[in-house]
Amino acid sequence: MKVIFQKIIKKKVELLIRKLGVNVFELIIELPLSFSICDSIEYSEKDNKIYLHVFDGDDFDLICDFDDIEEEDKLKVYQILSSFL
């Protein structure tokens, strides 16, 4: 069941990124999640991965893989992105 959830939520978030970005695959948006406030979300078509970026200062970019975050955070990302439609 968990694997099905992972695949479905990832695909839904990918489609939202594509739709909101009008085929630009990175959105600059604050996403307050349990571990940090993410500053952008990116879909890499080449890797079929979704990355969350946390920028700290001018030179630091912490990148988190969407697959590695908690389920609650995945749902929150989905809810925030879908609220813009």
C-alpha atoms as a PDB file:
ATOM      1  CA  MET A   1       0.000   0.000   0.000  1.00  0.00           C
ATOM      2  CA  LYS A   2       2.839   2.357   0.869  1.00  0.00           C
ATOM      3  CA  VAL A   3       4.493   1.784  -2.526  1.00  0.00           C
ATOM      4  CA  ILE A   4       1.261   2.626  -4.321  1.00  0.00           C
ATOM      5  CA  PHE A   5       0.911   5.850  -2.310  1.00  0.00           C
ATOM      6  CA  GLN A   6       4.515   6.789  -3.134  1.00  0.00           C
ATOM      7  CA  LYS A   7       3.993   6.358  -6.876  1.00  0.00           C
ATOM      8  CA  ILE A   8       0.649   8.129  -6.996  1.00  0.00           C
ATOM      9  CA  ILE A   9       1.668  11.160  -4.924  1.00  0.00           C
ATOM     10  CA  LYS A  10       4.919  11.541  -6.854  1.00  0.00           C
ATOM     11  CA  LYS A  11       3.087  11.468 -10.196  1.00  0.00           C
ATOM     12  CA  LYS A  12       0.482  13.956  -8.960  1.00  0.00           C
ATOM     13  CA  VAL A  13       3.177  16.362  -7.719  1.00  0.00           C
ATOM     14  CA  GLU A  14       5.081  15.985 -11.002  1.00  0.00           C
ATOM     15  CA  LEU A  15       1.948  16.872 -12.974  1.00  0.00           C
ATOM     16  CA  LEU A  16       1.297  19.883 -10.735  1.00  0.00           C
ATOM     17  CA  ILE A  17       4.862  21.138 -11.265  1.00  0.00           C
ATOM     18  CA  ARG A  18       4.429  20.785 -15.027  1.00  0.00           C
ATOM     19  CA  LYS A  19       1.040  22.501 -15.001  1.00  0.00           C
ATOM     20  CA  LEU A  20       1.964  25.377 -12.680  1.00  0.00           C
ATOM     21  CA  GLY A  21       5.316  25.928 -14.347  1.00  0.00           C
ATOM     22  CA  VAL A  22       3.858  25.754 -17.871  1.00  0.00           C
ATOM     23  CA  ASN A  23       6.512  23.139 -18.699  1.00  0.00           C
ATOM     24  CA  VAL A  24       9.265  24.924 -16.758  1.00  0.00           C
ATOM     25  CA  PHE A  25      10.227  22.212 -14.330  1.00  0.00           C
ATOM     26  CA  GLU A  26      11.256  24.310 -11.318  1.00  0.00           C
ATOM     27  CA  LEU A  27       8.952  26.403  -9.180  1.00  0.00           C
ATOM     28  CA  ILE A  28      10.247  29.035  -6.785  1.00  0.00           C
ATOM     29  CA  ILE A  29       7.853  28.632  -3.892  1.00  0.00           C
ATOM     30  CA  GLU A  30       8.148  28.435  -0.116  1.00  0.00           C
ATOM     31  CA  LEU A  31       7.092  25.041   1.177  1.00  0.00           C
ATOM     32  CA  PRO A  32       7.042  24.881   4.989  1.00  0.00           C
ATOM     33  CA  LEU A  33       7.737  21.233   5.761  1.00  0.00           C
ATOM     34  CA  SER A  34       8.594  19.416   8.974  1.00  0.00           C
ATOM     35  CA  PHE A  35      12.355  19.489   8.426  1.00  0.00           C
ATOM     36  CA  SER A  36      12.766  22.981   6.910  1.00  0.00           C
ATOM     37  CA  ILE A  37      11.215  25.633   4.708  1.00  0.00           C
ATOM     38  CA  CYS A  38      11.998  24.654   1.140  1.00  0.00           C
ATOM     39  CA  ASP A  39      12.518  27.483  -1.321  1.00  0.00           C
ATOM     40  CA  SER A  40      11.869  25.648  -4.587  1.00  0.00           C
ATOM     41  CA  ILE A  41      10.716  22.358  -6.039  1.00  0.00           C
ATOM     42  CA  GLU A  42      12.083  20.880  -9.231  1.00  0.00           C
ATOM     43  CA  TYR A  43      11.196  17.951 -11.452  1.00  0.00           C
ATOM     44  CA  SER A  44      14.101  16.349 -13.311  1.00  0.00           C
ATOM     45  CA  GLU A  45      12.741  14.631 -16.379  1.00  0.00           C
ATOM     46  CA  LYS A  46      16.092  12.960 -17.046  1.00  0.00           C
ATOM     47  CA  ASP A  47      16.231  11.318 -13.599  1.00  0.00           C
ATOM     48  CA  ASN A  48      12.460  11.078 -13.077  1.00  0.00           C
ATOM     49  CA  LYS A  49      13.070  12.667  -9.677  1.00  0.00           C
ATOM     50  CA  ILE A  50      11.550  15.528  -7.725  1.00  0.00           C
ATOM     51  CA  TYR A  51      13.977  17.660  -5.748  1.00  0.00           C
ATOM     52  CA  LEU A  52      13.296  20.159  -2.989  1.00  0.00           C
ATOM     53  CA  HIS A  53      15.820  22.962  -2.529  1.00  0.00           C
ATOM     54  CA  VAL A  54      16.648  24.832   0.663  1.00  0.00           C
ATOM     55  CA  PHE A  55      18.768  27.914   0.011  1.00  0.00           C
ATOM     56  CA  ASP A  56      20.851  29.243   2.879  1.00  0.00           C
ATOM     57  CA  GLY A  57      22.757  32.359   1.962  1.00  0.00           C
ATOM     58  CA  ASP A  58      24.269  32.872  -1.458  1.00  0.00           C
ATOM     59  CA  ASP A  59      26.380  29.739  -1.730  1.00  0.00           C
ATOM     60  CA  PHE A  60      24.490  26.931  -0.043  1.00  0.00           C
ATOM     61  CA  ASP A  61      21.797  24.783  -1.668  1.00  0.00           C
ATOM     62  CA  LEU A  62      20.589  21.778   0.301  1.00  0.00           C
ATOM     63  CA  ILE A  63      18.841  19.344  -2.039  1.00  0.00           C
ATOM     64  CA  CYS A  64      16.324  16.801  -0.748  1.00  0.00           C
ATOM     65  CA  ASP A  65      14.884  13.973  -2.804  1.00  0.00           C
ATOM     66  CA  PHE A  66      11.077  13.914  -2.686  1.00  0.00           C
ATOM     67  CA  ASP A  67      11.197  10.119  -2.340  1.00  0.00           C
ATOM     68  CA  ASP A  68      13.099  10.463   0.937  1.00  0.00           C
ATOM     69  CA  ILE A  69      10.783  12.830   2.812  1.00  0.00           C
ATOM     70  CA  GLU A  70       7.990  11.751   5.167  1.00  0.00           C
ATOM     71  CA  GLU A  71       4.527  10.925   3.832  1.00  0.00           C
ATOM     72  CA  GLU A  72       2.985  13.862   5.708  1.00  0.00           C
ATOM     73  CA  ASP A  73       5.409  16.229   4.002  1.00  0.00           C
ATOM     74  CA  LYS A  74       4.599  14.721   0.596  1.00  0.00           C
ATOM     75  CA  LEU A  75       0.917  15.333   1.216  1.00  0.00           C
ATOM     76  CA  LYS A  76       1.637  18.887   2.333  1.00  0.00           C
ATOM     77  CA  VAL A  77       3.619  19.560  -0.867  1.00  0.00           C
ATOM     78  CA  TYR A  78       0.705  18.230  -2.895  1.00  0.00           C
ATOM     79  CA  GLN A  79      -1.829  20.325  -0.969  1.00  0.00           C
ATOM     80  CA  ILE A  80       0.195  23.522  -1.318  1.00  0.00           C
ATOM     81  CA  LEU A  81       0.790  23.078  -5.038  1.00  0.00           C
ATOM     82  CA  SER A  82      -2.806  22.108  -5.759  1.00  0.00           C
ATOM     83  CA  SER A  83      -4.046  25.202  -3.908  1.00  0.00           C
ATOM     84  CA  PHE A  84      -2.627  27.333  -6.754  1.00  0.00           C
ATOM     85  CA  LEU A  85      -4.942  25.788  -9.368  1.00  0.00           C
END
